Amino acid sequence: MSTPTAKTLSILRFLVGTSCLLTPTIASRVFMIPIVPASVVILRLFGVRDAVLAGVLWTADSKDAERRALMTGALIDGIDVLSVGVSFLEGNFEGLPALWVGGGAAFFVALALVSL
């Protein structure tokens, strides 16, 4: 990886991903998501996705590979922001948790765009 911002994004994504994958009940409290069996599964699915994205970005061996990893992550995080917004408007996600999760995804988008 060539930029400190891309390295930071990879590390943050790895930390978020592995915490959701390995300790979903703790992550659920951090993200203010009610702990029910379905949320544990969803957090693990989210966690593995972010951990893999972190690994792909960290191990990118060319500028082109890094760019593709950054663009893929930004696209996924952008869709996450939209999904949180829709869930909030539908009444399925309350204010502070929606802000926390959606804001985190928006922050990851920003880091990726700065790294491009």
PDB file of N, CA and C in Angstrom:
ATOM      1  N   MET A   1       0.842  -1.177   0.000  1.00  0.00           N
ATOM      2  CA  MET A   1       0.000   0.000   0.000  1.00  0.00           C
ATOM      3  C   MET A   1       0.882   1.233   0.000  1.00  0.00           C
ATOM      4  N   SER A   2       0.420   2.237  -0.694  1.00  0.00           N
ATOM      5  CA  SER A   2       1.279   3.400  -0.869  1.00  0.00           C
ATOM      6  C   SER A   2       0.948   4.570   0.047  1.00  0.00           C
ATOM      7  N   THR A   3      -0.271   4.683   0.517  1.00  0.00           N
ATOM      8  CA  THR A   3      -0.605   5.859   1.310  1.00  0.00           C
ATOM      9  C   THR A   3      -0.875   5.494   2.763  1.00  0.00           C
ATOM     10  N   PRO A   4      -0.518   6.387   3.677  1.00  0.00           N
ATOM     11  CA  PRO A   4      -0.833   6.145   5.096  1.00  0.00           C
ATOM     12  C   PRO A   4      -2.346   6.048   5.326  1.00  0.00           C
ATOM     13  N   THR A   5      -3.128   6.786   4.546  1.00  0.00           N
ATOM     14  CA  THR A   5      -4.580   6.739   4.705  1.00  0.00           C
ATOM     15  C   THR A   5      -5.117   5.359   4.332  1.00  0.00           C
ATOM     16  N   ALA A   6      -4.584   4.762   3.269  1.00  0.00           N
ATOM     17  CA  ALA A   6      -5.016   3.415   2.871  1.00  0.00           C
ATOM     18  C   ALA A   6      -4.626   2.402   3.946  1.00  0.00           C
ATOM     19  N   LYS A   7      -3.450   2.551   4.523  1.00  0.00           N
ATOM     20  CA  LYS A   7      -3.030   1.653   5.606  1.00  0.00           C
ATOM     21  C   LYS A   7      -3.952   1.802   6.809  1.00  0.00           C
ATOM     22  N   THR A   8      -4.274   3.040   7.154  1.00  0.00           N
ATOM     23  CA  THR A   8      -5.169   3.301   8.280  1.00  0.00           C
ATOM     24  C   THR A   8      -6.536   2.677   8.022  1.00  0.00           C
ATOM     25  N   LEU A   9      -7.055   2.854   6.814  1.00  0.00           N
ATOM     26  CA  LEU A   9      -8.349   2.271   6.455  1.00  0.00           C
ATOM     27  C   LEU A   9      -8.302   0.755   6.583  1.00  0.00           C
ATOM     28  N   SER A  10      -7.253   0.144   6.105  1.00  0.00           N
ATOM     29  CA  SER A  10      -7.124  -1.307   6.181  1.00  0.00           C
ATOM     30  C   SER A  10      -7.108  -1.781   7.635  1.00  0.00           C
ATOM     31  N   ILE A  11      -6.361  -1.094   8.480  1.00  0.00           N
ATOM     32  CA  ILE A  11      -6.281  -1.471   9.904  1.00  0.00           C
ATOM     33  C   ILE A  11      -7.632  -1.293  10.584  1.00  0.00           C
ATOM     34  N   LEU A  12      -8.285  -0.154  10.358  1.00  0.00           N
ATOM     35  CA  LEU A  12      -9.591   0.090  10.974  1.00  0.00           C
ATOM     36  C   LEU A  12     -10.621  -0.934  10.497  1.00  0.00           C
ATOM     37  N   ARG A  13     -10.604  -1.216   9.210  1.00  0.00           N
ATOM     38  CA  ARG A  13     -11.548  -2.185   8.657  1.00  0.00           C
ATOM     39  C   ARG A  13     -11.290  -3.571   9.262  1.00  0.00           C
ATOM     40  N   PHE A  14     -10.029  -3.933   9.434  1.00  0.00           N
ATOM     41  CA  PHE A  14      -9.681  -5.219  10.040  1.00  0.00           C
ATOM     42  C   PHE A  14     -10.170  -5.282  11.492  1.00  0.00           C
ATOM     43  N   LEU A  15      -9.957  -4.206  12.243  1.00  0.00           N
ATOM     44  CA  LEU A  15     -10.381  -4.183  13.645  1.00  0.00           C
ATOM     45  C   LEU A  15     -11.899  -4.281  13.775  1.00  0.00           C
ATOM     46  N   VAL A  16     -12.613  -3.525  12.976  1.00  0.00           N
ATOM     47  CA  VAL A  16     -14.077  -3.585  13.005  1.00  0.00           C
ATOM     48  C   VAL A  16     -14.549  -4.969  12.565  1.00  0.00           C
ATOM     49  N   GLY A  17     -13.982  -5.462  11.471  1.00  0.00           N
ATOM     50  CA  GLY A  17     -14.400  -6.757  10.939  1.00  0.00           C
ATOM     51  C   GLY A  17     -14.147  -7.907  11.894  1.00  0.00           C
ATOM     52  N   THR A  18     -12.943  -7.976  12.434  1.00  0.00           N
ATOM     53  CA  THR A  18     -12.639  -9.106  13.330  1.00  0.00           C
ATOM     54  C   THR A  18     -13.418  -9.004  14.638  1.00  0.00           C
ATOM     55  N   SER A  19     -13.669  -7.785  15.113  1.00  0.00           N
ATOM     56  CA  SER A  19     -14.455  -7.667  16.352  1.00  0.00           C
ATOM     57  C   SER A  19     -15.887  -8.152  16.119  1.00  0.00           C
ATOM     58  N   CYS A  20     -16.453  -7.839  14.959  1.00  0.00           N
ATOM     59  CA  CYS A  20     -17.811  -8.307  14.646  1.00  0.00           C
ATOM     60  C   CYS A  20     -17.833  -9.813  14.424  1.00  0.00           C
ATOM     61  N   LEU A  21     -16.810 -10.342  13.817  1.00  0.00           N
ATOM     62  CA  LEU A  21     -16.749 -11.773  13.534  1.00  0.00           C
ATOM     63  C   LEU A  21     -16.512 -12.590  14.803  1.00  0.00           C
ATOM     64  N   LEU A  22     -15.569 -12.158  15.631  1.00  0.00           N
ATOM     65  CA  LEU A  22     -15.164 -12.958  16.789  1.00  0.00           C
ATOM     66  C   LEU A  22     -15.947 -12.653  18.058  1.00  0.00           C
ATOM     67  N   THR A  23     -16.406 -11.420  18.208  1.00  0.00           N
ATOM     68  CA  THR A  23     -17.145 -11.029  19.423  1.00  0.00           C
ATOM     69  C   THR A  23     -18.397 -10.239  19.037  1.00  0.00           C
ATOM     70  N   PRO A  24     -19.322 -10.887  18.350  1.00  0.00           N
ATOM     71  CA  PRO A  24     -20.495 -10.150  17.853  1.00  0.00           C
ATOM     72  C   PRO A  24     -21.368  -9.547  18.952  1.00  0.00           C
ATOM     73  N   THR A  25     -21.420 -10.169  20.121  1.00  0.00           N
ATOM     74  CA  THR A  25     -22.262  -9.589  21.168  1.00  0.00           C
ATOM     75  C   THR A  25     -21.651  -8.293  21.703  1.00  0.00           C
ATOM     76  N   ILE A  26     -20.339  -8.224  21.800  1.00  0.00           N
ATOM     77  CA  ILE A  26     -19.683  -6.979  22.217  1.00  0.00           C
ATOM     78  C   ILE A  26     -19.836  -5.928  21.117  1.00  0.00           C
ATOM     79  N   ALA A  27     -19.611  -6.325  19.882  1.00  0.00           N
ATOM     80  CA  ALA A  27     -19.764  -5.396  18.759  1.00  0.00           C
ATOM     81  C   ALA A  27     -21.191  -4.873  18.684  1.00  0.00           C
ATOM     82  N   SER A  28     -22.149  -5.723  18.985  1.00  0.00           N
ATOM     83  CA  SER A  28     -23.547  -5.313  18.951  1.00  0.00           C
ATOM     84  C   SER A  28     -23.803  -4.206  19.967  1.00  0.00           C
ATOM     85  N   ARG A  29     -23.183  -4.291  21.132  1.00  0.00           N
ATOM     86  CA  ARG A  29     -23.318  -3.224  22.131  1.00  0.00           C
ATOM     87  C   ARG A  29     -22.629  -1.947  21.661  1.00  0.00           C
ATOM     88  N   VAL A  30     -21.458  -2.081  21.058  1.00  0.00           N
ATOM     89  CA  VAL A  30     -20.732  -0.912  20.555  1.00  0.00           C
ATOM     90  C   VAL A  30     -21.551  -0.192  19.492  1.00  0.00           C
ATOM     91  N   PHE A  31     -22.162  -0.944  18.572  1.00  0.00           N
ATOM     92  CA  PHE A  31     -22.959  -0.361  17.494  1.00  0.00           C
ATOM     93  C   PHE A  31     -24.402  -0.080  17.909  1.00  0.00           C
ATOM     94  N   MET A  32     -24.726  -0.391  19.181  1.00  0.00           N
ATOM     95  CA  MET A  32     -26.072  -0.161  19.729  1.00  0.00           C
ATOM     96  C   MET A  32     -27.147  -0.913  18.951  1.00  0.00           C
ATOM     97  N   ILE A  33     -26.815  -2.136  18.569  1.00  0.00           N
ATOM     98  CA  ILE A  33     -27.752  -3.005  17.850  1.00  0.00           C
ATOM     99  C   ILE A  33     -28.269  -4.028  18.847  1.00  0.00           C
ATOM    100  N   PRO A  34     -29.591  -4.183  18.973  1.00  0.00           N
ATOM    101  CA  PRO A  34     -30.131  -5.164  19.924  1.00  0.00           C
ATOM    102  C   PRO A  34     -29.552  -6.561  19.683  1.00  0.00           C
ATOM    103  N   ILE A  35     -29.234  -7.236  20.772  1.00  0.00           N
ATOM    104  CA  ILE A  35     -28.652  -8.575  20.675  1.00  0.00           C
ATOM    105  C   ILE A  35     -29.781  -9.601  20.577  1.00  0.00           C
ATOM    106  N   VAL A  36     -29.954 -10.133  19.389  1.00  0.00           N
ATOM    107  CA  VAL A  36     -30.876 -11.238  19.132  1.00  0.00           C
ATOM    108  C   VAL A  36     -30.107 -12.217  18.241  1.00  0.00           C
ATOM    109  N   PRO A  37     -30.539 -13.463  18.162  1.00  0.00           N
ATOM    110  CA  PRO A  37     -29.790 -14.428  17.339  1.00  0.00           C
ATOM    111  C   PRO A  37     -29.507 -13.935  15.918  1.00  0.00           C
ATOM    112  N   ALA A  38     -30.473 -13.302  15.285  1.00  0.00           N
ATOM    113  CA  ALA A  38     -30.272 -12.841  13.911  1.00  0.00           C
ATOM    114  C   ALA A  38     -29.196 -11.756  13.837  1.00  0.00           C
ATOM    115  N   SER A  39     -29.141 -10.866  14.826  1.00  0.00           N
ATOM    116  CA  SER A  39     -28.133  -9.796  14.769  1.00  0.00           C
ATOM    117  C   SER A  39     -26.727 -10.361  14.928  1.00  0.00           C
ATOM    118  N   VAL A  40     -26.589 -11.429  15.710  1.00  0.00           N
ATOM    119  CA  VAL A  40     -25.274 -12.058  15.874  1.00  0.00           C
ATOM    120  C   VAL A  40     -24.796 -12.615  14.533  1.00  0.00           C
ATOM    121  N   VAL A  41     -25.681 -13.276  13.811  1.00  0.00           N
ATOM    122  CA  VAL A  41     -25.327 -13.836  12.495  1.00  0.00           C
ATOM    123  C   VAL A  41     -24.988 -12.711  11.517  1.00  0.00           C
ATOM    124  N   ILE A  42     -25.820 -11.672  11.482  1.00  0.00           N
ATOM    125  CA  ILE A  42     -25.586 -10.556  10.565  1.00  0.00           C
ATOM    126  C   ILE A  42     -24.265  -9.869  10.877  1.00  0.00           C
ATOM    127  N   LEU A  43     -23.966  -9.667  12.154  1.00  0.00           N
ATOM    128  CA  LEU A  43     -22.690  -9.044  12.512  1.00  0.00           C
ATOM    129  C   LEU A  43     -21.505  -9.904  12.082  1.00  0.00           C
ATOM    130  N   ARG A  44     -21.642 -11.217  12.209  1.00  0.00           N
ATOM    131  CA  ARG A  44     -20.549 -12.095  11.752  1.00  0.00           C
ATOM    132  C   ARG A  44     -20.378 -12.018  10.240  1.00  0.00           C
ATOM    133  N   LEU A  45     -21.489 -11.963   9.507  1.00  0.00           N
ATOM    134  CA  LEU A  45     -21.403 -11.831   8.046  1.00  0.00           C
ATOM    135  C   LEU A  45     -20.753 -10.499   7.671  1.00  0.00           C
ATOM    136  N   PHE A  46     -21.167  -9.437   8.327  1.00  0.00           N
ATOM    137  CA  PHE A  46     -20.570  -8.120   8.119  1.00  0.00           C
ATOM    138  C   PHE A  46     -19.082  -8.153   8.478  1.00  0.00           C
ATOM    139  N   GLY A  47     -18.768  -8.814   9.586  1.00  0.00           N
ATOM    140  CA  GLY A  47     -17.392  -8.868  10.059  1.00  0.00           C
ATOM    141  C   GLY A  47     -16.443  -9.554   9.094  1.00  0.00           C
ATOM    142  N   VAL A  48     -16.852 -10.695   8.562  1.00  0.00           N
ATOM    143  CA  VAL A  48     -15.975 -11.397   7.635  1.00  0.00           C
ATOM    144  C   VAL A  48     -15.789 -10.581   6.365  1.00  0.00           C
ATOM    145  N   ARG A  49     -16.844  -9.903   5.925  1.00  0.00           N
ATOM    146  CA  ARG A  49     -16.745  -9.048   4.739  1.00  0.00           C
ATOM    147  C   ARG A  49     -15.692  -7.962   4.956  1.00  0.00           C
ATOM    148  N   ASP A  50     -15.753  -7.279   6.102  1.00  0.00           N
ATOM    149  CA  ASP A  50     -14.803  -6.203   6.349  1.00  0.00           C
ATOM    150  C   ASP A  50     -13.381  -6.723   6.568  1.00  0.00           C
ATOM    151  N   ALA A  51     -13.255  -7.861   7.232  1.00  0.00           N
ATOM    152  CA  ALA A  51     -11.919  -8.428   7.443  1.00  0.00           C
ATOM    153  C   ALA A  51     -11.272  -8.812   6.106  1.00  0.00           C
ATOM    154  N   VAL A  52     -12.062  -9.393   5.207  1.00  0.00           N
ATOM    155  CA  VAL A  52     -11.541  -9.764   3.885  1.00  0.00           C
ATOM    156  C   VAL A  52     -11.175  -8.516   3.086  1.00  0.00           C
ATOM    157  N   LEU A  53     -12.047  -7.497   3.106  1.00  0.00           N
ATOM    158  CA  LEU A  53     -11.719  -6.246   2.407  1.00  0.00           C
ATOM    159  C   LEU A  53     -10.423  -5.639   2.949  1.00  0.00           C
ATOM    160  N   ALA A  54     -10.236  -5.720   4.253  1.00  0.00           N
ATOM    161  CA  ALA A  54      -8.992  -5.207   4.863  1.00  0.00           C
ATOM    162  C   ALA A  54      -7.787  -5.973   4.343  1.00  0.00           C
ATOM    163  N   GLY A  55      -7.901  -7.284   4.284  1.00  0.00           N
ATOM    164  CA  GLY A  55      -6.792  -8.102   3.798  1.00  0.00           C
ATOM    165  C   GLY A  55      -6.459  -7.849   2.341  1.00  0.00           C
ATOM    166  N   VAL A  56      -7.496  -7.681   1.523  1.00  0.00           N
ATOM    167  CA  VAL A  56      -7.272  -7.404   0.103  1.00  0.00           C
ATOM    168  C   VAL A  56      -6.566  -6.060  -0.072  1.00  0.00           C
ATOM    169  N   LEU A  57      -6.991  -5.065   0.698  1.00  0.00           N
ATOM    170  CA  LEU A  57      -6.346  -3.753   0.608  1.00  0.00           C
ATOM    171  C   LEU A  57      -4.909  -3.816   1.127  1.00  0.00           C
ATOM    172  N   TRP A  58      -4.695  -4.473   2.251  1.00  0.00           N
ATOM    173  CA  TRP A  58      -3.361  -4.539   2.867  1.00  0.00           C
ATOM    174  C   TRP A  58      -2.360  -5.252   1.961  1.00  0.00           C
ATOM    175  N   THR A  59      -2.832  -6.282   1.243  1.00  0.00           N
ATOM    176  CA  THR A  59      -1.915  -7.088   0.429  1.00  0.00           C
ATOM    177  C   THR A  59      -1.871  -6.661  -1.035  1.00  0.00           C
ATOM    178  N   ALA A  60      -2.536  -5.561  -1.377  1.00  0.00           N
ATOM    179  CA  ALA A  60      -2.515  -5.085  -2.767  1.00  0.00           C
ATOM    180  C   ALA A  60      -1.065  -4.874  -3.193  1.00  0.00           C
ATOM    181  N   ASP A  61      -0.677  -5.536  -4.273  1.00  0.00           N
ATOM    182  CA  ASP A  61       0.733  -5.516  -4.684  1.00  0.00           C
ATOM    183  C   ASP A  61       1.023  -4.566  -5.841  1.00  0.00           C
ATOM    184  N   SER A  62       0.022  -3.793  -6.222  1.00  0.00           N
ATOM    185  CA  SER A  62       0.233  -2.794  -7.265  1.00  0.00           C
ATOM    186  C   SER A  62      -0.725  -1.631  -7.012  1.00  0.00           C
ATOM    187  N   LYS A  63      -0.435  -0.519  -7.634  1.00  0.00           N
ATOM    188  CA  LYS A  63      -1.306   0.650  -7.499  1.00  0.00           C
ATOM    189  C   LYS A  63      -2.701   0.335  -8.042  1.00  0.00           C
ATOM    190  N   ASP A  64      -2.753  -0.442  -9.132  1.00  0.00           N
ATOM    191  CA  ASP A  64      -4.039  -0.810  -9.713  1.00  0.00           C
ATOM    192  C   ASP A  64      -4.836  -1.704  -8.759  1.00  0.00           C
ATOM    193  N   ALA A  65      -4.181  -2.665  -8.144  1.00  0.00           N
ATOM    194  CA  ALA A  65      -4.859  -3.552  -7.193  1.00  0.00           C
ATOM    195  C   ALA A  65      -5.345  -2.763  -5.979  1.00  0.00           C
ATOM    196  N   GLU A  66      -4.529  -1.826  -5.515  1.00  0.00           N
ATOM    197  CA  GLU A  66      -4.931  -0.985  -4.388  1.00  0.00           C
ATOM    198  C   GLU A  66      -6.143  -0.132  -4.762  1.00  0.00           C
ATOM    199  N   ARG A  67      -6.106   0.422  -5.953  1.00  0.00           N
ATOM    200  CA  ARG A  67      -7.221   1.260  -6.417  1.00  0.00           C
ATOM    201  C   ARG A  67      -8.517   0.450  -6.494  1.00  0.00           C
ATOM    202  N   ARG A  68      -8.437  -0.773  -7.028  1.00  0.00           N
ATOM    203  CA  ARG A  68      -9.627  -1.627  -7.113  1.00  0.00           C
ATOM    204  C   ARG A  68     -10.153  -1.970  -5.718  1.00  0.00           C
ATOM    205  N   ALA A  69      -9.248  -2.256  -4.792  1.00  0.00           N
ATOM    206  CA  ALA A  69      -9.661  -2.573  -3.416  1.00  0.00           C
ATOM    207  C   ALA A  69     -10.324  -1.363  -2.759  1.00  0.00           C
ATOM    208  N   LEU A  70      -9.754  -0.184  -2.969  1.00  0.00           N
ATOM    209  CA  LEU A  70     -10.336   1.035  -2.402  1.00  0.00           C
ATOM    210  C   LEU A  70     -11.706   1.332  -3.008  1.00  0.00           C
ATOM    211  N   MET A  71     -11.827   1.180  -4.314  1.00  0.00           N
ATOM    212  CA  MET A  71     -13.093   1.449  -4.988  1.00  0.00           C
ATOM    213  C   MET A  71     -14.173   0.436  -4.576  1.00  0.00           C
ATOM    214  N   THR A  72     -13.777  -0.823  -4.439  1.00  0.00           N
ATOM    215  CA  THR A  72     -14.730  -1.854  -3.999  1.00  0.00           C
ATOM    216  C   THR A  72     -15.233  -1.550  -2.592  1.00  0.00           C
ATOM    217  N   GLY A  73     -14.315  -1.239  -1.697  1.00  0.00           N
ATOM    218  CA  GLY A  73     -14.695  -0.903  -0.332  1.00  0.00           C
ATOM    219  C   GLY A  73     -15.576   0.333  -0.269  1.00  0.00           C
ATOM    220  N   ALA A  74     -15.239   1.363  -1.049  1.00  0.00           N
ATOM    221  CA  ALA A  74     -16.040   2.590  -1.069  1.00  0.00           C
ATOM    222  C   ALA A  74     -17.451   2.309  -1.582  1.00  0.00           C
ATOM    223  N   LEU A  75     -17.567   1.470  -2.599  1.00  0.00           N
ATOM    224  CA  LEU A  75     -18.887   1.115  -3.135  1.00  0.00           C
ATOM    225  C   LEU A  75     -19.713   0.386  -2.073  1.00  0.00           C
ATOM    226  N   ILE A  76     -19.117  -0.592  -1.427  1.00  0.00           N
ATOM    227  CA  ILE A  76     -19.822  -1.356  -0.389  1.00  0.00           C
ATOM    228  C   ILE A  76     -20.227  -0.431   0.761  1.00  0.00           C
ATOM    229  N   ASP A  77     -19.310   0.411   1.201  1.00  0.00           N
ATOM    230  CA  ASP A  77     -19.622   1.321   2.310  1.00  0.00           C
ATOM    231  C   ASP A  77     -20.671   2.347   1.907  1.00  0.00           C
ATOM    232  N   GLY A  78     -20.636   2.800   0.668  1.00  0.00           N
ATOM    233  CA  GLY A  78     -21.660   3.716   0.183  1.00  0.00           C
ATOM    234  C   GLY A  78     -23.041   3.076   0.202  1.00  0.00           C
ATOM    235  N   ILE A  79     -23.104   1.818  -0.192  1.00  0.00           N
ATOM    236  CA  ILE A  79     -24.373   1.082  -0.143  1.00  0.00           C
ATOM    237  C   ILE A  79     -24.812   0.909   1.310  1.00  0.00           C
ATOM    238  N   ASP A  80     -23.851   0.694   2.206  1.00  0.00           N
ATOM    239  CA  ASP A  80     -24.180   0.612   3.632  1.00  0.00           C
ATOM    240  C   ASP A  80     -24.804   1.915   4.129  1.00  0.00           C
ATOM    241  N   VAL A  81     -24.242   3.055   3.727  1.00  0.00           N
ATOM    242  CA  VAL A  81     -24.791   4.357   4.132  1.00  0.00           C
ATOM    243  C   VAL A  81     -26.233   4.479   3.646  1.00  0.00           C
ATOM    244  N   LEU A  82     -26.468   4.136   2.392  1.00  0.00           N
ATOM    245  CA  LEU A  82     -27.832   4.195   1.843  1.00  0.00           C
ATOM    246  C   LEU A  82     -28.765   3.234   2.573  1.00  0.00           C
ATOM    247  N   SER A  83     -28.291   2.044   2.875  1.00  0.00           N
ATOM    248  CA  SER A  83     -29.112   1.055   3.574  1.00  0.00           C
ATOM    249  C   SER A  83     -29.497   1.530   4.966  1.00  0.00           C
ATOM    250  N   VAL A  84     -28.555   2.131   5.660  1.00  0.00           N
ATOM    251  CA  VAL A  84     -28.847   2.675   6.990  1.00  0.00           C
ATOM    252  C   VAL A  84     -29.885   3.791   6.872  1.00  0.00           C
ATOM    253  N   GLY A  85     -29.720   4.660   5.876  1.00  0.00           N
ATOM    254  CA  GLY A  85     -30.680   5.748   5.671  1.00  0.00           C
ATOM    255  C   GLY A  85     -32.083   5.235   5.398  1.00  0.00           C
ATOM    256  N   VAL A  86     -32.196   4.243   4.528  1.00  0.00           N
ATOM    257  CA  VAL A  86     -33.500   3.654   4.222  1.00  0.00           C
ATOM    258  C   VAL A  86     -34.089   3.007   5.476  1.00  0.00           C
ATOM    259  N   SER A  87     -33.278   2.269   6.213  1.00  0.00           N
ATOM    260  CA  SER A  87     -33.759   1.621   7.437  1.00  0.00           C
ATOM    261  C   SER A  87     -34.225   2.648   8.461  1.00  0.00           C
ATOM    262  N   PHE A  88     -33.503   3.757   8.552  1.00  0.00           N
ATOM    263  CA  PHE A  88     -33.900   4.833   9.458  1.00  0.00           C
ATOM    264  C   PHE A  88     -35.252   5.414   9.037  1.00  0.00           C
ATOM    265  N   LEU A  89     -35.408   5.697   7.747  1.00  0.00           N
ATOM    266  CA  LEU A  89     -36.656   6.272   7.247  1.00  0.00           C
ATOM    267  C   LEU A  89     -37.836   5.314   7.416  1.00  0.00           C
ATOM    268  N   GLU A  90     -37.565   4.022   7.335  1.00  0.00           N
ATOM    269  CA  GLU A  90     -38.618   3.014   7.527  1.00  0.00           C
ATOM    270  C   GLU A  90     -38.964   2.808   9.004  1.00  0.00           C
ATOM    271  N   GLY A  91     -38.157   3.394   9.886  1.00  0.00           N
ATOM    272  CA  GLY A  91     -38.387   3.220  11.317  1.00  0.00           C
ATOM    273  C   GLY A  91     -37.757   1.963  11.886  1.00  0.00           C
ATOM    274  N   ASN A  92     -36.854   1.342  11.134  1.00  0.00           N
ATOM    275  CA  ASN A  92     -36.208   0.105  11.576  1.00  0.00           C
ATOM    276  C   ASN A  92     -34.856   0.322  12.249  1.00  0.00           C
ATOM    277  N   PHE A  93     -34.392   1.565  12.293  1.00  0.00           N
ATOM    278  CA  PHE A  93     -33.089   1.877  12.882  1.00  0.00           C
ATOM    279  C   PHE A  93     -33.228   3.228  13.557  1.00  0.00           C
ATOM    280  N   GLU A  94     -32.980   3.279  14.847  1.00  0.00           N
ATOM    281  CA  GLU A  94     -33.150   4.517  15.604  1.00  0.00           C
ATOM    282  C   GLU A  94     -32.008   5.492  15.345  1.00  0.00           C
ATOM    283  N   GLY A  95     -32.214   6.731  15.780  1.00  0.00           N
ATOM    284  CA  GLY A  95     -31.308   7.830  15.491  1.00  0.00           C
ATOM    285  C   GLY A  95     -29.845   7.617  15.804  1.00  0.00           C
ATOM    286  N   LEU A  96     -29.488   7.441  17.090  1.00  0.00           N
ATOM    287  CA  LEU A  96     -28.080   7.351  17.455  1.00  0.00           C
ATOM    288  C   LEU A  96     -27.392   6.110  16.869  1.00  0.00           C
ATOM    289  N   PRO A  97     -27.994   4.923  16.952  1.00  0.00           N
ATOM    290  CA  PRO A  97     -27.356   3.774  16.301  1.00  0.00           C
ATOM    291  C   PRO A  97     -27.201   3.965  14.790  1.00  0.00           C
ATOM    292  N   ALA A  98     -28.212   4.553  14.151  1.00  0.00           N
ATOM    293  CA  ALA A  98     -28.124   4.799  12.706  1.00  0.00           C
ATOM    294  C   ALA A  98     -27.000   5.770  12.400  1.00  0.00           C
ATOM    295  N   LEU A  99     -26.879   6.798  13.216  1.00  0.00           N
ATOM    296  CA  LEU A  99     -25.800   7.773  13.030  1.00  0.00           C
ATOM    297  C   LEU A  99     -24.439   7.120  13.233  1.00  0.00           C
ATOM    298  N   TRP A 100     -24.325   6.275  14.229  1.00  0.00           N
ATOM    299  CA  TRP A 100     -23.063   5.593  14.549  1.00  0.00           C
ATOM    300  C   TRP A 100     -22.651   4.650  13.414  1.00  0.00           C
ATOM    301  N   VAL A 101     -23.578   3.801  12.961  1.00  0.00           N
ATOM    302  CA  VAL A 101     -23.258   2.827  11.912  1.00  0.00           C
ATOM    303  C   VAL A 101     -23.114   3.517  10.553  1.00  0.00           C
ATOM    304  N   GLY A 102     -24.076   4.358  10.211  1.00  0.00           N
ATOM    305  CA  GLY A 102     -24.011   5.076   8.933  1.00  0.00           C
ATOM    306  C   GLY A 102     -22.832   6.034   8.873  1.00  0.00           C
ATOM    307  N   GLY A 103     -22.553   6.689   9.988  1.00  0.00           N
ATOM    308  CA  GLY A 103     -21.404   7.599  10.047  1.00  0.00           C
ATOM    309  C   GLY A 103     -20.085   6.867   9.898  1.00  0.00           C
ATOM    310  N   GLY A 104     -19.997   5.675  10.485  1.00  0.00           N
ATOM    311  CA  GLY A 104     -18.790   4.869  10.326  1.00  0.00           C
ATOM    312  C   GLY A 104     -18.568   4.459   8.885  1.00  0.00           C
ATOM    313  N   ALA A 105     -19.642   4.052   8.231  1.00  0.00           N
ATOM    314  CA  ALA A 105     -19.540   3.675   6.817  1.00  0.00           C
ATOM    315  C   ALA A 105     -19.158   4.887   5.971  1.00  0.00           C
ATOM    316  N   ALA A 106     -19.748   6.038   6.263  1.00  0.00           N
ATOM    317  CA  ALA A 106     -19.414   7.262   5.515  1.00  0.00           C
ATOM    318  C   ALA A 106     -17.954   7.651   5.740  1.00  0.00           C
ATOM    319  N   PHE A 107     -17.457   7.446   6.954  1.00  0.00           N
ATOM    320  CA  PHE A 107     -16.052   7.719   7.255  1.00  0.00           C
ATOM    321  C   PHE A 107     -15.138   6.808   6.430  1.00  0.00           C
ATOM    322  N   PHE A 108     -15.510   5.539   6.311  1.00  0.00           N
ATOM    323  CA  PHE A 108     -14.718   4.610   5.494  1.00  0.00           C
ATOM    324  C   PHE A 108     -14.742   5.022   4.017  1.00  0.00           C
ATOM    325  N   VAL A 109     -15.891   5.494   3.529  1.00  0.00           N
ATOM    326  CA  VAL A 109     -15.965   5.994   2.149  1.00  0.00           C
ATOM    327  C   VAL A 109     -14.992   7.152   1.978  1.00  0.00           C
ATOM    328  N   ALA A 110     -15.010   8.081   2.918  1.00  0.00           N
ATOM    329  CA  ALA A 110     -14.136   9.251   2.846  1.00  0.00           C
ATOM    330  C   ALA A 110     -12.663   8.858   2.841  1.00  0.00           C
ATOM    331  N   LEU A 111     -12.287   7.917   3.717  1.00  0.00           N
ATOM    332  CA  LEU A 111     -10.894   7.455   3.746  1.00  0.00           C
ATOM    333  C   LEU A 111     -10.495   6.828   2.408  1.00  0.00           C
ATOM    334  N   ALA A 112     -11.396   6.030   1.848  1.00  0.00           N
ATOM    335  CA  ALA A 112     -11.095   5.389   0.554  1.00  0.00           C
ATOM    336  C   ALA A 112     -10.920   6.433  -0.542  1.00  0.00           C
ATOM    337  N   LEU A 113     -11.805   7.426  -0.586  1.00  0.00           N
ATOM    338  CA  LEU A 113     -11.719   8.443  -1.627  1.00  0.00           C
ATOM    339  C   LEU A 113     -10.460   9.291  -1.481  1.00  0.00           C
ATOM    340  N   VAL A 114     -10.074   9.586  -0.254  1.00  0.00           N
ATOM    341  CA  VAL A 114      -8.829  10.337  -0.020  1.00  0.00           C
ATOM    342  C   VAL A 114      -7.631   9.512  -0.456  1.00  0.00           C
ATOM    343  N   SER A 115      -7.719   8.209  -0.300  1.00  0.00           N
ATOM    344  CA  SER A 115      -6.598   7.319  -0.656  1.00  0.00           C
ATOM    345  C   SER A 115      -6.450   7.110  -2.159  1.00  0.00           C
ATOM    346  N   LEU A 116      -7.539   7.354  -2.907  1.00  0.00           N
ATOM    347  CA  LEU A 116      -7.460   7.164  -4.358  1.00  0.00           C
ATOM    348  C   LEU A 116      -6.596   8.255  -4.918  1.00  0.00           C
TER     349      LEU A 116
END
